[in-house]
N, C-alpha and C. Protein backbone atom coordinates (compact mmCIF):
# COMPACT_ATOMS: atom_id res chain seq x y z
N MET A 1 31.71 -60.11 38.02
CA MET A 1 32.98 -59.98 37.37
C MET A 1 32.77 -59.42 35.97
N PRO A 2 32.82 -58.14 35.80
CA PRO A 2 32.53 -57.54 34.50
C PRO A 2 33.70 -57.65 33.54
N LEU A 3 33.38 -57.65 32.26
CA LEU A 3 34.37 -57.61 31.19
C LEU A 3 34.06 -56.36 30.38
N ASN A 4 35.02 -55.44 30.27
CA ASN A 4 34.80 -54.18 29.58
C ASN A 4 35.52 -54.15 28.24
N SER A 5 34.99 -53.36 27.30
CA SER A 5 35.62 -53.18 26.00
C SER A 5 36.65 -52.07 26.07
N ALA A 6 37.32 -51.82 24.95
CA ALA A 6 38.31 -50.74 24.87
C ALA A 6 37.68 -49.37 25.11
N LEU A 7 36.39 -49.24 24.83
CA LEU A 7 35.67 -47.99 25.06
C LEU A 7 35.03 -47.95 26.44
N ASN A 8 35.43 -48.88 27.31
CA ASN A 8 34.94 -48.99 28.68
C ASN A 8 33.45 -49.27 28.74
N ARG A 9 32.95 -50.03 27.77
CA ARG A 9 31.57 -50.48 27.77
C ARG A 9 31.51 -51.90 28.33
N LEU A 10 30.51 -52.17 29.11
CA LEU A 10 30.32 -53.50 29.65
C LEU A 10 29.99 -54.46 28.52
N LYS A 11 30.76 -55.54 28.39
CA LYS A 11 30.56 -56.52 27.32
C LYS A 11 29.97 -57.83 27.82
N ALA A 12 30.25 -58.18 29.07
CA ALA A 12 29.74 -59.42 29.66
C ALA A 12 29.89 -59.32 31.16
N ALA A 13 29.18 -60.18 31.88
CA ALA A 13 29.29 -60.19 33.34
C ALA A 13 28.79 -61.52 33.88
N SER A 14 29.25 -61.84 35.06
CA SER A 14 28.68 -62.97 35.80
C SER A 14 28.44 -62.48 37.21
N TYR A 15 27.42 -62.96 37.81
CA TYR A 15 27.11 -62.55 39.17
C TYR A 15 26.49 -63.72 39.90
N GLY A 16 26.53 -63.67 41.21
CA GLY A 16 26.06 -64.81 41.97
C GLY A 16 25.55 -64.43 43.32
N GLU A 17 25.65 -65.38 44.21
CA GLU A 17 25.15 -65.18 45.55
C GLU A 17 26.13 -65.76 46.56
N ARG A 18 26.04 -65.28 47.76
CA ARG A 18 26.89 -65.77 48.84
C ARG A 18 26.09 -66.82 49.60
N SER A 19 26.69 -68.00 49.74
CA SER A 19 26.02 -69.10 50.42
C SER A 19 27.03 -69.87 51.25
N GLY A 20 26.78 -69.99 52.54
CA GLY A 20 27.67 -70.75 53.40
C GLY A 20 29.06 -70.16 53.52
N GLY A 21 29.18 -68.84 53.42
CA GLY A 21 30.48 -68.18 53.55
C GLY A 21 31.29 -68.12 52.27
N ALA A 22 30.76 -68.65 51.17
CA ALA A 22 31.49 -68.63 49.89
C ALA A 22 30.60 -68.02 48.80
N TRP A 23 31.26 -67.40 47.83
CA TRP A 23 30.54 -66.82 46.70
C TRP A 23 30.38 -67.86 45.60
N ASN A 24 29.21 -67.91 44.99
CA ASN A 24 28.94 -68.77 43.85
C ASN A 24 28.62 -67.86 42.66
N PHE A 25 29.58 -67.74 41.73
CA PHE A 25 29.41 -66.86 40.57
C PHE A 25 28.89 -67.58 39.34
N GLY A 26 28.57 -68.86 39.46
CA GLY A 26 28.14 -69.60 38.29
C GLY A 26 26.64 -69.63 38.06
N LYS A 27 25.86 -68.98 38.90
CA LYS A 27 24.41 -69.09 38.79
C LYS A 27 23.80 -68.21 37.71
N TYR A 28 24.35 -67.03 37.49
CA TYR A 28 23.79 -66.10 36.52
C TYR A 28 24.90 -65.50 35.68
N LYS A 29 24.65 -65.35 34.38
CA LYS A 29 25.66 -64.78 33.48
C LYS A 29 25.00 -63.88 32.44
N VAL A 30 25.74 -62.88 32.03
CA VAL A 30 25.37 -62.01 30.91
C VAL A 30 26.51 -62.15 29.90
N PRO A 31 26.42 -63.15 28.99
CA PRO A 31 27.54 -63.41 28.09
C PRO A 31 27.62 -62.47 26.89
N GLU A 32 26.56 -61.73 26.63
CA GLU A 32 26.57 -60.88 25.43
C GLU A 32 25.84 -59.56 25.67
N ILE A 33 26.57 -58.47 25.46
CA ILE A 33 25.98 -57.13 25.43
C ILE A 33 26.61 -56.43 24.23
N SER A 34 25.79 -55.97 23.31
CA SER A 34 26.28 -55.30 22.10
C SER A 34 25.78 -53.86 22.08
N TYR A 35 26.54 -53.00 21.42
CA TYR A 35 26.24 -51.57 21.35
C TYR A 35 26.28 -51.08 19.91
N ASP A 36 25.53 -50.01 19.61
CA ASP A 36 25.67 -49.35 18.32
C ASP A 36 26.80 -48.31 18.43
N TYR A 37 27.07 -47.60 17.35
CA TYR A 37 28.20 -46.66 17.32
C TYR A 37 28.01 -45.46 18.26
N ASN A 38 26.77 -45.22 18.71
CA ASN A 38 26.52 -44.13 19.66
C ASN A 38 26.60 -44.57 21.11
N GLY A 39 26.82 -45.86 21.34
CA GLY A 39 26.91 -46.36 22.70
C GLY A 39 25.61 -46.88 23.27
N ASN A 40 24.57 -46.96 22.45
CA ASN A 40 23.29 -47.51 22.90
C ASN A 40 23.33 -49.03 22.88
N ILE A 41 22.78 -49.67 23.89
CA ILE A 41 22.71 -51.13 23.89
C ILE A 41 21.79 -51.59 22.77
N THR A 42 22.25 -52.55 21.97
CA THR A 42 21.44 -53.10 20.89
C THR A 42 21.06 -54.56 21.15
N ARG A 43 21.83 -55.26 21.98
CA ARG A 43 21.55 -56.67 22.28
C ARG A 43 22.00 -57.00 23.68
N LEU A 44 21.18 -57.78 24.39
CA LEU A 44 21.51 -58.23 25.75
C LEU A 44 20.98 -59.65 25.91
N VAL A 45 21.88 -60.55 26.33
CA VAL A 45 21.50 -61.94 26.58
C VAL A 45 21.86 -62.26 28.02
N ARG A 46 20.93 -62.90 28.73
CA ARG A 46 21.15 -63.22 30.14
C ARG A 46 20.70 -64.65 30.42
N TYR A 47 21.56 -65.40 31.13
CA TYR A 47 21.27 -66.77 31.52
C TYR A 47 21.17 -66.87 33.03
N GLY A 48 20.33 -67.76 33.49
CA GLY A 48 20.19 -67.97 34.92
C GLY A 48 19.29 -69.15 35.21
N PHE A 49 19.05 -69.37 36.48
CA PHE A 49 18.21 -70.48 36.88
C PHE A 49 16.74 -70.08 36.85
N CYS A 50 15.95 -70.94 36.26
CA CYS A 50 14.50 -70.81 36.25
C CYS A 50 13.98 -72.12 36.81
N GLY A 51 13.55 -72.11 38.06
CA GLY A 51 13.20 -73.35 38.73
C GLY A 51 14.48 -74.10 39.06
N GLN A 52 14.63 -75.29 38.52
CA GLN A 52 15.83 -76.10 38.76
C GLN A 52 16.74 -76.18 37.54
N SER A 53 16.40 -75.49 36.45
CA SER A 53 17.22 -75.59 35.24
C SER A 53 17.89 -74.26 34.89
N TYR A 54 19.08 -74.35 34.33
CA TYR A 54 19.86 -73.21 33.87
C TYR A 54 19.49 -72.95 32.42
N THR A 55 18.98 -71.77 32.13
CA THR A 55 18.46 -71.50 30.79
C THR A 55 18.60 -70.02 30.44
N CYS A 56 18.34 -69.69 29.20
CA CYS A 56 18.31 -68.30 28.76
C CYS A 56 17.05 -67.66 29.32
N ILE A 57 17.21 -66.62 30.15
CA ILE A 57 16.04 -65.97 30.74
C ILE A 57 15.72 -64.64 30.05
N ASP A 58 16.68 -64.08 29.31
CA ASP A 58 16.45 -62.87 28.52
C ASP A 58 17.29 -62.95 27.25
N SER A 59 16.69 -62.65 26.12
CA SER A 59 17.40 -62.50 24.86
C SER A 59 16.75 -61.31 24.17
N LEU A 60 17.31 -60.13 24.39
CA LEU A 60 16.67 -58.89 24.00
C LEU A 60 17.43 -58.18 22.89
N ASN A 61 16.71 -57.62 21.95
CA ASN A 61 17.26 -56.76 20.91
C ASN A 61 16.60 -55.39 21.07
N TYR A 62 17.40 -54.37 21.06
CA TYR A 62 16.91 -52.99 21.23
C TYR A 62 17.07 -52.24 19.92
N TYR A 63 16.11 -51.40 19.62
CA TYR A 63 16.18 -50.56 18.43
C TYR A 63 16.01 -49.11 18.84
N CYS A 64 16.94 -48.29 18.42
CA CYS A 64 16.86 -46.84 18.69
C CYS A 64 16.72 -46.16 17.35
N GLY A 65 15.57 -45.62 17.09
CA GLY A 65 15.36 -44.98 15.81
C GLY A 65 14.03 -44.25 15.79
N ASN A 66 13.66 -43.80 14.62
CA ASN A 66 12.40 -43.10 14.45
C ASN A 66 11.28 -44.11 14.24
N PHE A 67 10.17 -43.91 14.93
CA PHE A 67 9.04 -44.81 14.79
C PHE A 67 7.91 -44.14 14.08
């Protein structure tokens, strides 16, 4: 279930799995995606299950520039 910004950029999402004939969308979430003014992703946070616990599995910051 994506959430888009006014510029049609993906801002958040949740996704899941089908089990027993029903969808479970609560297992994995992407609550934060940020962009710079050019549309490049600058931040991405993802939560999901790791073993038996629900935790942050990715917390990434991206840099686009000269190195």
